[in-house]
Amino acid sequence: MMEEMTRIIPILIAVLTLALAGCGEKSKRYAIQGEVKALDASVKTATIAHGPIGDWMGAMTMEFPVKPDREFQKLHVGDRIEGTVVVNDLSYYVTDVKVVRAAQ
């Protein structure tokens, strides 16, 4: 039994070390420019037609969560915006929103 524990403990330590190594990764931040096509106030998302976003994504139209709520409140359909997309693994959101041309 003791011999098995002696072999298992280093393996468990290695697995735990690898699992925790990914926990400290910082979020990546990218500039975004685009036009607000739709807003969903119930979940605080904006559908944005945007240009390329750094090395993360090509130009397209997609829905983004907007955080915090005060950033979402700045937006109206038709606004041209600049902001920051924060990406952490599979989650992402838009923040630091600046309306560069208001909807008419």
PDB file of N, CA and C in Angstrom:
ATOM      1  N   MET A   1       0.826  -1.193   0.000  1.00  0.00           N
ATOM      2  CA  MET A   1       0.000   0.000   0.000  1.00  0.00           C
ATOM      3  C   MET A   1       0.872   1.260   0.000  1.00  0.00           C
ATOM      4  N   MET A   2       1.892   1.283   0.839  1.00  0.00           N
ATOM      5  CA  MET A   2       2.771   2.450   0.923  1.00  0.00           C
ATOM      6  C   MET A   2       3.520   2.665  -0.388  1.00  0.00           C
ATOM      7  N   GLU A   3       3.887   1.576  -1.040  1.00  0.00           N
ATOM      8  CA  GLU A   3       4.601   1.677  -2.315  1.00  0.00           C
ATOM      9  C   GLU A   3       3.693   2.308  -3.384  1.00  0.00           C
ATOM     10  N   GLU A   4       2.413   1.936  -3.389  1.00  0.00           N
ATOM     11  CA  GLU A   4       1.458   2.526  -4.333  1.00  0.00           C
ATOM     12  C   GLU A   4       1.297   4.022  -4.079  1.00  0.00           C
ATOM     13  N   MET A   5       1.207   4.414  -2.824  1.00  0.00           N
ATOM     14  CA  MET A   5       1.078   5.832  -2.467  1.00  0.00           C
ATOM     15  C   MET A   5       2.308   6.616  -2.935  1.00  0.00           C
ATOM     16  N   THR A   6       3.465   6.009  -2.800  1.00  0.00           N
ATOM     17  CA  THR A   6       4.709   6.666  -3.199  1.00  0.00           C
ATOM     18  C   THR A   6       4.716   6.934  -4.702  1.00  0.00           C
ATOM     19  N   ARG A   7       4.102   6.068  -5.488  1.00  0.00           N
ATOM     20  CA  ARG A   7       4.046   6.274  -6.936  1.00  0.00           C
ATOM     21  C   ARG A   7       2.919   7.220  -7.326  1.00  0.00           C
ATOM     22  N   ILE A   8       1.806   7.204  -6.632  1.00  0.00           N
ATOM     23  CA  ILE A   8       0.638   8.003  -6.987  1.00  0.00           C
ATOM     24  C   ILE A   8       0.818   9.474  -6.612  1.00  0.00           C
ATOM     25  N   ILE A   9       1.424   9.761  -5.486  1.00  0.00           N
ATOM     26  CA  ILE A   9       1.551  11.147  -5.021  1.00  0.00           C
ATOM     27  C   ILE A   9       2.265  12.040  -6.036  1.00  0.00           C
ATOM     28  N   PRO A  10       3.414  11.652  -6.594  1.00  0.00           N
ATOM     29  CA  PRO A  10       4.039  12.539  -7.603  1.00  0.00           C
ATOM     30  C   PRO A  10       3.159  12.768  -8.834  1.00  0.00           C
ATOM     31  N   ILE A  11       2.403  11.750  -9.214  1.00  0.00           N
ATOM     32  CA  ILE A  11       1.504  11.905 -10.363  1.00  0.00           C
ATOM     33  C   ILE A  11       0.392  12.894 -10.025  1.00  0.00           C
ATOM     34  N   LEU A  12      -0.173  12.781  -8.844  1.00  0.00           N
ATOM     35  CA  LEU A  12      -1.217  13.715  -8.427  1.00  0.00           C
ATOM     36  C   LEU A  12      -0.691  15.150  -8.347  1.00  0.00           C
ATOM     37  N   ILE A  13       0.503  15.315  -7.851  1.00  0.00           N
ATOM     38  CA  ILE A  13       1.109  16.653  -7.775  1.00  0.00           C
ATOM     39  C   ILE A  13       1.303  17.229  -9.174  1.00  0.00           C
ATOM     40  N   ALA A  14       1.771  16.408 -10.107  1.00  0.00           N
ATOM     41  CA  ALA A  14       1.976  16.873 -11.482  1.00  0.00           C
ATOM     42  C   ALA A  14       0.654  17.279 -12.122  1.00  0.00           C
ATOM     43  N   VAL A  15      -0.386  16.474 -11.940  1.00  0.00           N
ATOM     44  CA  VAL A  15      -1.705  16.787 -12.508  1.00  0.00           C
ATOM     45  C   VAL A  15      -2.251  18.072 -11.914  1.00  0.00           C
ATOM     46  N   LEU A  16      -2.146  18.234 -10.609  1.00  0.00           N
ATOM     47  CA  LEU A  16      -2.628  19.439  -9.945  1.00  0.00           C
ATOM     48  C   LEU A  16      -1.861  20.674 -10.413  1.00  0.00           C
ATOM     49  N   THR A  17      -0.557  20.547 -10.569  1.00  0.00           N
ATOM     50  CA  THR A  17       0.263  21.664 -11.046  1.00  0.00           C
ATOM     51  C   THR A  17      -0.167  22.095 -12.443  1.00  0.00           C
ATOM     52  N   LEU A  18      -0.385  21.131 -13.328  1.00  0.00           N
ATOM     53  CA  LEU A  18      -0.820  21.465 -14.691  1.00  0.00           C
ATOM     54  C   LEU A  18      -2.208  22.097 -14.695  1.00  0.00           C
ATOM     55  N   ALA A  19      -3.101  21.603 -13.865  1.00  0.00           N
ATOM     56  CA  ALA A  19      -4.458  22.155 -13.802  1.00  0.00           C
ATOM     57  C   ALA A  19      -4.439  23.590 -13.297  1.00  0.00           C
ATOM     58  N   LEU A  20      -3.627  23.862 -12.311  1.00  0.00           N
ATOM     59  CA  LEU A  20      -3.564  25.218 -11.754  1.00  0.00           C
ATOM     60  C   LEU A  20      -2.782  26.181 -12.626  1.00  0.00           C
ATOM     61  N   ALA A  21      -1.924  25.674 -13.479  1.00  0.00           N
ATOM     62  CA  ALA A  21      -1.120  26.550 -14.339  1.00  0.00           C
ATOM     63  C   ALA A  21      -2.007  27.387 -15.251  1.00  0.00           C
ATOM     64  N   GLY A  22      -3.094  26.833 -15.746  1.00  0.00           N
ATOM     65  CA  GLY A  22      -3.998  27.565 -16.626  1.00  0.00           C
ATOM     66  C   GLY A  22      -4.862  28.575 -15.901  1.00  0.00           C
ATOM     67  N   CYS A  23      -4.992  28.459 -14.594  1.00  0.00           N
ATOM     68  CA  CYS A  23      -5.865  29.350 -13.830  1.00  0.00           C
ATOM     69  C   CYS A  23      -5.323  30.766 -13.748  1.00  0.00           C
ATOM     70  N   GLY A  24      -4.044  30.941 -13.886  1.00  0.00           N
ATOM     71  CA  GLY A  24      -3.456  32.263 -13.740  1.00  0.00           C
ATOM     72  C   GLY A  24      -3.368  33.047 -15.035  1.00  0.00           C
ATOM     73  N   GLU A  25      -3.879  32.485 -16.136  1.00  0.00           N
ATOM     74  CA  GLU A  25      -3.792  33.182 -17.415  1.00  0.00           C
ATOM     75  C   GLU A  25      -4.574  34.478 -17.369  1.00  0.00           C
ATOM     76  N   LYS A  26      -3.973  35.504 -17.937  1.00  0.00           N
ATOM     77  CA  LYS A  26      -4.653  36.793 -17.987  1.00  0.00           C
ATOM     78  C   LYS A  26      -5.552  36.854 -19.206  1.00  0.00           C
ATOM     79  N   SER A  27      -6.563  37.678 -19.090  1.00  0.00           N
ATOM     80  CA  SER A  27      -7.455  37.916 -20.214  1.00  0.00           C
ATOM     81  C   SER A  27      -6.705  38.678 -21.292  1.00  0.00           C
ATOM     82  N   LYS A  28      -7.089  38.434 -22.530  1.00  0.00           N
ATOM     83  CA  LYS A  28      -6.545  39.206 -23.650  1.00  0.00           C
ATOM     84  C   LYS A  28      -7.531  40.316 -23.956  1.00  0.00           C
ATOM     85  N   ARG A  29      -7.010  41.454 -24.376  1.00  0.00           N
ATOM     86  CA  ARG A  29      -7.842  42.621 -24.689  1.00  0.00           C
ATOM     87  C   ARG A  29      -7.559  43.042 -26.127  1.00  0.00           C
ATOM     88  N   TYR A  30      -8.644  43.311 -26.865  1.00  0.00           N
ATOM     89  CA  TYR A  30      -8.543  43.711 -28.265  1.00  0.00           C
ATOM     90  C   TYR A  30      -9.415  44.932 -28.521  1.00  0.00           C
ATOM     91  N   ALA A  31      -8.957  45.787 -29.410  1.00  0.00           N
ATOM     92  CA  ALA A  31      -9.780  46.924 -29.838  1.00  0.00           C
ATOM     93  C   ALA A  31     -10.879  46.412 -30.769  1.00  0.00           C
ATOM     94  N   ILE A  32     -12.061  47.017 -30.665  1.00  0.00           N
ATOM     95  CA  ILE A  32     -13.173  46.686 -31.560  1.00  0.00           C
ATOM     96  C   ILE A  32     -13.762  47.988 -32.081  1.00  0.00           C
ATOM     97  N   GLN A  33     -14.130  47.973 -33.355  1.00  0.00           N
ATOM     98  CA  GLN A  33     -14.835  49.079 -33.984  1.00  0.00           C
ATOM     99  C   GLN A  33     -15.981  48.478 -34.779  1.00  0.00           C
ATOM    100  N   GLY A  34     -17.137  49.103 -34.692  1.00  0.00           N
ATOM    101  CA  GLY A  34     -18.256  48.563 -35.443  1.00  0.00           C
ATOM    102  C   GLY A  34     -19.526  49.358 -35.265  1.00  0.00           C
ATOM    103  N   GLU A  35     -20.613  48.781 -35.757  1.00  0.00           N
ATOM    104  CA  GLU A  35     -21.927  49.412 -35.681  1.00  0.00           C
ATOM    105  C   GLU A  35     -22.889  48.515 -34.917  1.00  0.00           C
ATOM    106  N   VAL A  36     -23.628  49.110 -33.992  1.00  0.00           N
ATOM    107  CA  VAL A  36     -24.613  48.372 -33.200  1.00  0.00           C
ATOM    108  C   VAL A  36     -25.821  48.087 -34.089  1.00  0.00           C
ATOM    109  N   LYS A  37     -26.128  46.815 -34.264  1.00  0.00           N
ATOM    110  CA  LYS A  37     -27.248  46.398 -35.101  1.00  0.00           C
ATOM    111  C   LYS A  37     -28.489  46.055 -34.291  1.00  0.00           C
ATOM    112  N   ALA A  38     -28.305  45.582 -33.054  1.00  0.00           N
ATOM    113  CA  ALA A  38     -29.435  45.217 -32.192  1.00  0.00           C
ATOM    114  C   ALA A  38     -28.962  45.226 -30.746  1.00  0.00           C
ATOM    115  N   LEU A  39     -29.932  45.420 -29.840  1.00  0.00           N
ATOM    116  CA  LEU A  39     -29.648  45.407 -28.404  1.00  0.00           C
ATOM    117  C   LEU A  39     -30.660  44.513 -27.712  1.00  0.00           C
ATOM    118  N   ASP A  40     -30.209  43.779 -26.699  1.00  0.00           N
ATOM    119  CA  ASP A  40     -31.112  42.976 -25.875  1.00  0.00           C
ATOM    120  C   ASP A  40     -30.873  43.363 -24.424  1.00  0.00           C
ATOM    121  N   ALA A  41     -31.741  44.240 -23.922  1.00  0.00           N
ATOM    122  CA  ALA A  41     -31.583  44.768 -22.562  1.00  0.00           C
ATOM    123  C   ALA A  41     -31.773  43.694 -21.494  1.00  0.00           C
ATOM    124  N   SER A  42     -32.514  42.642 -21.793  1.00  0.00           N
ATOM    125  CA  SER A  42     -32.768  41.607 -20.783  1.00  0.00           C
ATOM    126  C   SER A  42     -31.504  40.842 -20.410  1.00  0.00           C
ATOM    127  N   VAL A  43     -30.564  40.735 -21.337  1.00  0.00           N
ATOM    128  CA  VAL A  43     -29.317  40.024 -21.054  1.00  0.00           C
ATOM    129  C   VAL A  43     -28.078  40.899 -21.287  1.00  0.00           C
ATOM    130  N   LYS A  44     -28.308  42.183 -21.563  1.00  0.00           N
ATOM    131  CA  LYS A  44     -27.223  43.167 -21.758  1.00  0.00           C
ATOM    132  C   LYS A  44     -26.242  42.733 -22.855  1.00  0.00           C
ATOM    133  N   THR A  45     -26.811  42.429 -24.047  1.00  0.00           N
ATOM    134  CA  THR A  45     -25.972  42.085 -25.189  1.00  0.00           C
ATOM    135  C   THR A  45     -26.233  43.054 -26.333  1.00  0.00           C
ATOM    136  N   ALA A  46     -25.201  43.231 -27.148  1.00  0.00           N
ATOM    137  CA  ALA A  46     -25.296  44.067 -28.345  1.00  0.00           C
ATOM    138  C   ALA A  46     -24.841  43.238 -29.538  1.00  0.00           C
ATOM    139  N   THR A  47     -25.622  43.267 -30.609  1.00  0.00           N
ATOM    140  CA  THR A  47     -25.195  42.656 -31.863  1.00  0.00           C
ATOM    141  C   THR A  47     -24.431  43.732 -32.613  1.00  0.00           C
ATOM    142  N   ILE A  48     -23.171  43.441 -32.916  1.00  0.00           N
ATOM    143  CA  ILE A  48     -22.274  44.436 -33.500  1.00  0.00           C
ATOM    144  C   ILE A  48     -21.702  43.903 -34.804  1.00  0.00           C
ATOM    145  N   ALA A  49     -21.818  44.703 -35.881  1.00  0.00           N
ATOM    146  CA  ALA A  49     -21.134  44.425 -37.142  1.00  0.00           C
ATOM    147  C   ALA A  49     -19.760  45.061 -36.997  1.00  0.00           C
ATOM    148  N   HIS A  50     -18.734  44.239 -36.895  1.00  0.00           N
ATOM    149  CA  HIS A  50     -17.401  44.749 -36.579  1.00  0.00           C
ATOM    150  C   HIS A  50     -16.367  44.337 -37.615  1.00  0.00           C
ATOM    151  N   GLY A  51     -15.279  45.069 -37.630  1.00  0.00           N
ATOM    152  CA  GLY A  51     -14.130  44.720 -38.455  1.00  0.00           C
ATOM    153  C   GLY A  51     -13.314  43.644 -37.752  1.00  0.00           C
ATOM    154  N   PRO A  52     -12.149  43.305 -38.308  1.00  0.00           N
ATOM    155  CA  PRO A  52     -11.282  42.308 -37.671  1.00  0.00           C
ATOM    156  C   PRO A  52     -10.937  42.727 -36.242  1.00  0.00           C
ATOM    157  N   ILE A  53     -10.859  41.741 -35.349  1.00  0.00           N
ATOM    158  CA  ILE A  53     -10.511  41.986 -33.950  1.00  0.00           C
ATOM    159  C   ILE A  53      -9.171  41.308 -33.689  1.00  0.00           C
ATOM    160  N   GLY A  54      -8.104  42.087 -33.842  1.00  0.00           N
ATOM    161  CA  GLY A  54      -6.750  41.575 -33.607  1.00  0.00           C
ATOM    162  C   GLY A  54      -6.512  40.247 -34.297  1.00  0.00           C
ATOM    163  N   ASP A  55      -5.843  39.340 -33.577  1.00  0.00           N
ATOM    164  CA  ASP A  55      -5.604  38.004 -34.111  1.00  0.00           C
ATOM    165  C   ASP A  55      -6.649  37.016 -33.596  1.00  0.00           C
ATOM    166  N   TRP A  56      -7.726  37.563 -33.005  1.00  0.00           N
ATOM    167  CA  TRP A  56      -8.741  36.718 -32.388  1.00  0.00           C
ATOM    168  C   TRP A  56      -9.879  36.355 -33.343  1.00  0.00           C
ATOM    169  N   MET A  57     -10.308  37.302 -34.186  1.00  0.00           N
ATOM    170  CA  MET A  57     -11.500  37.063 -34.991  1.00  0.00           C
ATOM    171  C   MET A  57     -11.509  37.961 -36.228  1.00  0.00           C
ATOM    172  N   GLY A  58     -12.053  37.429 -37.311  1.00  0.00           N
ATOM    173  CA  GLY A  58     -12.230  38.220 -38.520  1.00  0.00           C
ATOM    174  C   GLY A  58     -13.477  39.081 -38.436  1.00  0.00           C
ATOM    175  N   ALA A  59     -13.683  39.897 -39.464  1.00  0.00           N
ATOM    176  CA  ALA A  59     -14.855  40.777 -39.523  1.00  0.00           C
ATOM    177  C   ALA A  59     -16.129  39.945 -39.652  1.00  0.00           C
ATOM    178  N   MET A  60     -17.169  40.323 -38.897  1.00  0.00           N
ATOM    179  CA  MET A  60     -18.471  39.655 -38.956  1.00  0.00           C
ATOM    180  C   MET A  60     -19.471  40.420 -38.107  1.00  0.00           C
ATOM    181  N   THR A  61     -20.684  39.934 -38.072  1.00  0.00           N
ATOM    182  CA  THR A  61     -21.709  40.488 -37.186  1.00  0.00           C
ATOM    183  C   THR A  61     -22.034  39.418 -36.153  1.00  0.00           C
ATOM    184  N   MET A  62     -21.926  39.789 -34.879  1.00  0.00           N
ATOM    185  CA  MET A  62     -22.226  38.825 -33.820  1.00  0.00           C
ATOM    186  C   MET A  62     -22.651  39.526 -32.548  1.00  0.00           C
ATOM    187  N   GLU A  63     -23.178  38.750 -31.634  1.00  0.00           N
ATOM    188  CA  GLU A  63     -23.675  39.261 -30.359  1.00  0.00           C
ATOM    189  C   GLU A  63     -22.563  39.227 -29.311  1.00  0.00           C
ATOM    190  N   PHE A  64     -22.451  40.317 -28.565  1.00  0.00           N
ATOM    191  CA  PHE A  64     -21.460  40.427 -27.497  1.00  0.00           C
ATOM    192  C   PHE A  64     -22.147  40.828 -26.197  1.00  0.00           C
ATOM    193  N   PRO A  65     -21.819  40.171 -25.085  1.00  0.00           N
ATOM    194  CA  PRO A  65     -22.222  40.721 -23.797  1.00  0.00           C
ATOM    195  C   PRO A  65     -21.515  42.063 -23.611  1.00  0.00           C
ATOM    196  N   VAL A  66     -22.152  43.014 -22.948  1.00  0.00           N
ATOM    197  CA  VAL A  66     -21.545  44.331 -22.687  1.00  0.00           C
ATOM    198  C   VAL A  66     -21.513  44.508 -21.170  1.00  0.00           C
ATOM    199  N   LYS A  67     -20.328  44.798 -20.642  1.00  0.00           N
ATOM    200  CA  LYS A  67     -20.147  44.945 -19.193  1.00  0.00           C
ATOM    201  C   LYS A  67     -19.352  46.199 -18.894  1.00  0.00           C
ATOM    202  N   PRO A  68     -19.560  46.817 -17.780  1.00  0.00           N
ATOM    203  CA  PRO A  68     -20.681  46.687 -16.858  1.00  0.00           C
ATOM    204  C   PRO A  68     -21.933  47.343 -17.445  1.00  0.00           C
ATOM    205  N   ASP A  69     -23.005  47.345 -16.675  1.00  0.00           N
ATOM    206  CA  ASP A  69     -24.292  47.862 -17.164  1.00  0.00           C
ATOM    207  C   ASP A  69     -24.198  49.290 -17.679  1.00  0.00           C
ATOM    208  N   ARG A  70     -23.383  50.134 -17.056  1.00  0.00           N
ATOM    209  CA  ARG A  70     -23.281  51.541 -17.490  1.00  0.00           C
ATOM    210  C   ARG A  70     -22.735  51.632 -18.918  1.00  0.00           C
ATOM    211  N   GLU A  71     -21.931  50.669 -19.338  1.00  0.00           N
ATOM    212  CA  GLU A  71     -21.439  50.652 -20.719  1.00  0.00           C
ATOM    213  C   GLU A  71     -22.579  50.293 -21.669  1.00  0.00           C
ATOM    214  N   PHE A  72     -23.407  49.334 -21.278  1.00  0.00           N
ATOM    215  CA  PHE A  72     -24.545  48.947 -22.108  1.00  0.00           C
ATOM    216  C   PHE A  72     -25.501  50.116 -22.291  1.00  0.00           C
ATOM    217  N   GLN A  73     -25.704  50.902 -21.235  1.00  0.00           N
ATOM    218  CA  GLN A  73     -26.649  52.026 -21.272  1.00  0.00           C
ATOM    219  C   GLN A  73     -26.248  53.092 -22.289  1.00  0.00           C
ATOM    220  N   LYS A  74     -24.997  53.155 -22.703  1.00  0.00           N
ATOM    221  CA  LYS A  74     -24.524  54.144 -23.684  1.00  0.00           C
ATOM    222  C   LYS A  74     -25.012  53.844 -25.098  1.00  0.00           C
ATOM    223  N   LEU A  75     -25.420  52.614 -25.350  1.00  0.00           N
ATOM    224  CA  LEU A  75     -25.629  52.145 -26.721  1.00  0.00           C
ATOM    225  C   LEU A  75     -27.053  52.322 -27.236  1.00  0.00           C
ATOM    226  N   HIS A  76     -27.116  52.605 -28.550  1.00  0.00           N
ATOM    227  CA  HIS A  76     -28.383  52.662 -29.279  1.00  0.00           C
ATOM    228  C   HIS A  76     -28.163  51.992 -30.635  1.00  0.00           C
ATOM    229  N   VAL A  77     -29.197  51.362 -31.167  1.00  0.00           N
ATOM    230  CA  VAL A  77     -29.095  50.738 -32.479  1.00  0.00           C
ATOM    231  C   VAL A  77     -28.693  51.800 -33.494  1.00  0.00           C
ATOM    232  N   GLY A  78     -27.704  51.488 -34.313  1.00  0.00           N
ATOM    233  CA  GLY A  78     -27.208  52.408 -35.330  1.00  0.00           C
ATOM    234  C   GLY A  78     -25.946  53.149 -34.912  1.00  0.00           C
ATOM    235  N   ASP A  79     -25.600  53.149 -33.622  1.00  0.00           N
ATOM    236  CA  ASP A  79     -24.375  53.809 -33.161  1.00  0.00           C
ATOM    237  C   ASP A  79     -23.142  53.146 -33.766  1.00  0.00           C
ATOM    238  N   ARG A  80     -22.184  53.988 -34.157  1.00  0.00           N
ATOM    239  CA  ARG A  80     -20.838  53.506 -34.504  1.00  0.00           C
ATOM    240  C   ARG A  80     -20.039  53.601 -33.210  1.00  0.00           C
ATOM    241  N   ILE A  81     -19.347  52.514 -32.869  1.00  0.00           N
ATOM    242  CA  ILE A  81     -18.655  52.482 -31.589  1.00  0.00           C
ATOM    243  C   ILE A  81     -17.196  52.043 -31.723  1.00  0.00           C
ATOM    244  N   GLU A  82     -16.447  52.366 -30.696  1.00  0.00           N
ATOM    245  CA  GLU A  82     -15.122  51.811 -30.464  1.00  0.00           C
ATOM    246  C   GLU A  82     -15.147  51.289 -29.040  1.00  0.00           C
ATOM    247  N   GLY A  83     -14.383  50.265 -28.781  1.00  0.00           N
ATOM    248  CA  GLY A  83     -14.339  49.719 -27.432  1.00  0.00           C
ATOM    249  C   GLY A  83     -13.262  48.674 -27.307  1.00  0.00           C
ATOM    250  N   THR A  84     -13.386  47.887 -26.265  1.00  0.00           N
ATOM    251  CA  THR A  84     -12.431  46.825 -25.977  1.00  0.00           C
ATOM    252  C   THR A  84     -13.185  45.518 -25.805  1.00  0.00           C
ATOM    253  N   VAL A  85     -12.681  44.466 -26.446  1.00  0.00           N
ATOM    254  CA  VAL A  85     -13.206  43.120 -26.225  1.00  0.00           C
ATOM    255  C   VAL A  85     -12.239  42.421 -25.278  1.00  0.00           C
ATOM    256  N   VAL A  86     -12.760  41.909 -24.176  1.00  0.00           N
ATOM    257  CA  VAL A  86     -11.959  41.155 -23.215  1.00  0.00           C
ATOM    258  C   VAL A  86     -12.260  39.679 -23.442  1.00  0.00           C
ATOM    259  N   VAL A  87     -11.209  38.893 -23.698  1.00  0.00           N
ATOM    260  CA  VAL A  87     -11.355  37.476 -24.006  1.00  0.00           C
ATOM    261  C   VAL A  87     -10.622  36.656 -22.954  1.00  0.00           C
ATOM    262  N   ASN A  88     -11.334  35.695 -22.376  1.00  0.00           N
ATOM    263  CA  ASN A  88     -10.744  34.782 -21.404  1.00  0.00           C
ATOM    264  C   ASN A  88     -11.210  33.382 -21.769  1.00  0.00           C
ATOM    265  N   ASP A  89     -10.354  32.626 -22.417  1.00  0.00           N
ATOM    266  CA  ASP A  89     -10.696  31.299 -22.926  1.00  0.00           C
ATOM    267  C   ASP A  89     -11.909  31.401 -23.843  1.00  0.00           C
ATOM    268  N   LEU A  90     -13.034  30.807 -23.466  1.00  0.00           N
ATOM    269  CA  LEU A  90     -14.220  30.812 -24.322  1.00  0.00           C
ATOM    270  C   LEU A  90     -15.197  31.929 -23.991  1.00  0.00           C
ATOM    271  N   SER A  91     -14.949  32.673 -22.927  1.00  0.00           N
ATOM    272  CA  SER A  91     -15.853  33.776 -22.596  1.00  0.00           C
ATOM    273  C   SER A  91     -15.265  35.098 -23.098  1.00  0.00           C
ATOM    274  N   TYR A  92     -16.149  36.037 -23.389  1.00  0.00           N
ATOM    275  CA  TYR A  92     -15.730  37.339 -23.909  1.00  0.00           C
ATOM    276  C   TYR A  92     -16.821  38.354 -23.621  1.00  0.00           C
ATOM    277  N   TYR A  93     -16.427  39.622 -23.623  1.00  0.00           N
ATOM    278  CA  TYR A  93     -17.404  40.701 -23.475  1.00  0.00           C
ATOM    279  C   TYR A  93     -16.785  42.006 -23.974  1.00  0.00           C
ATOM    280  N   VAL A  94     -17.656  42.984 -24.250  1.00  0.00           N
ATOM    281  CA  VAL A  94     -17.224  44.308 -24.691  1.00  0.00           C
ATOM    282  C   VAL A  94     -17.319  45.263 -23.509  1.00  0.00           C
ATOM    283  N   THR A  95     -16.323  46.141 -23.390  1.00  0.00           N
ATOM    284  CA  THR A  95     -16.320  47.153 -22.347  1.00  0.00           C
ATOM    285  C   THR A  95     -15.618  48.400 -22.885  1.00  0.00           C
ATOM    286  N   ASP A  96     -15.489  49.421 -22.056  1.00  0.00           N
ATOM    287  CA  ASP A  96     -14.824  50.683 -22.443  1.00  0.00           C
ATOM    288  C   ASP A  96     -15.399  51.246 -23.737  1.00  0.00           C
ATOM    289  N   VAL A  97     -16.716  51.285 -23.832  1.00  0.00           N
ATOM    290  CA  VAL A  97     -17.408  51.699 -25.056  1.00  0.00           C
ATOM    291  C   VAL A  97     -17.363  53.205 -25.227  1.00  0.00           C
ATOM    292  N   LYS A  98     -17.072  53.604 -26.476  1.00  0.00           N
ATOM    293  CA  LYS A  98     -17.112  55.007 -26.838  1.00  0.00           C
ATOM    294  C   LYS A  98     -17.959  55.128 -28.110  1.00  0.00           C
ATOM    295  N   VAL A  99     -19.031  55.894 -28.062  1.00  0.00           N
ATOM    296  CA  VAL A  99     -19.858  56.134 -29.248  1.00  0.00           C
ATOM    297  C   VAL A  99     -19.157  57.190 -30.079  1.00  0.00           C
ATOM    298  N   VAL A 100     -18.748  56.827 -31.303  1.00  0.00           N
ATOM    299  CA  VAL A 100     -18.041  57.769 -32.165  1.00  0.00           C
ATOM    300  C   VAL A 100     -18.971  58.469 -33.141  1.00  0.00           C
ATOM    301  N   ARG A 101     -20.117  57.857 -33.417  1.00  0.00           N
ATOM    302  CA  ARG A 101     -21.147  58.504 -34.216  1.00  0.00           C
ATOM    303  C   ARG A 101     -22.486  57.948 -33.778  1.00  0.00           C
ATOM    304  N   ALA A 102     -23.294  58.799 -33.215  1.00  0.00           N
ATOM    305  CA  ALA A 102     -24.592  58.371 -32.688  1.00  0.00           C
ATOM    306  C   ALA A 102     -25.548  58.031 -33.816  1.00  0.00           C
ATOM    307  N   ALA A 103     -26.480  57.135 -33.516  1.00  0.00           N
ATOM    308  CA  ALA A 103     -27.532  56.773 -34.470  1.00  0.00           C
ATOM    309  C   ALA A 103     -28.345  58.004 -34.824  1.00  0.00           C
ATOM    310  N   GLN A 104     -28.795  58.081 -36.065  1.00  0.00           N
ATOM    311  CA  GLN A 104     -29.570  59.236 -36.507  1.00  0.00           C
ATOM    312  C   GLN A 104     -31.024  58.918 -36.649  1.00  0.00           C
TER     313      GLN A 104
END
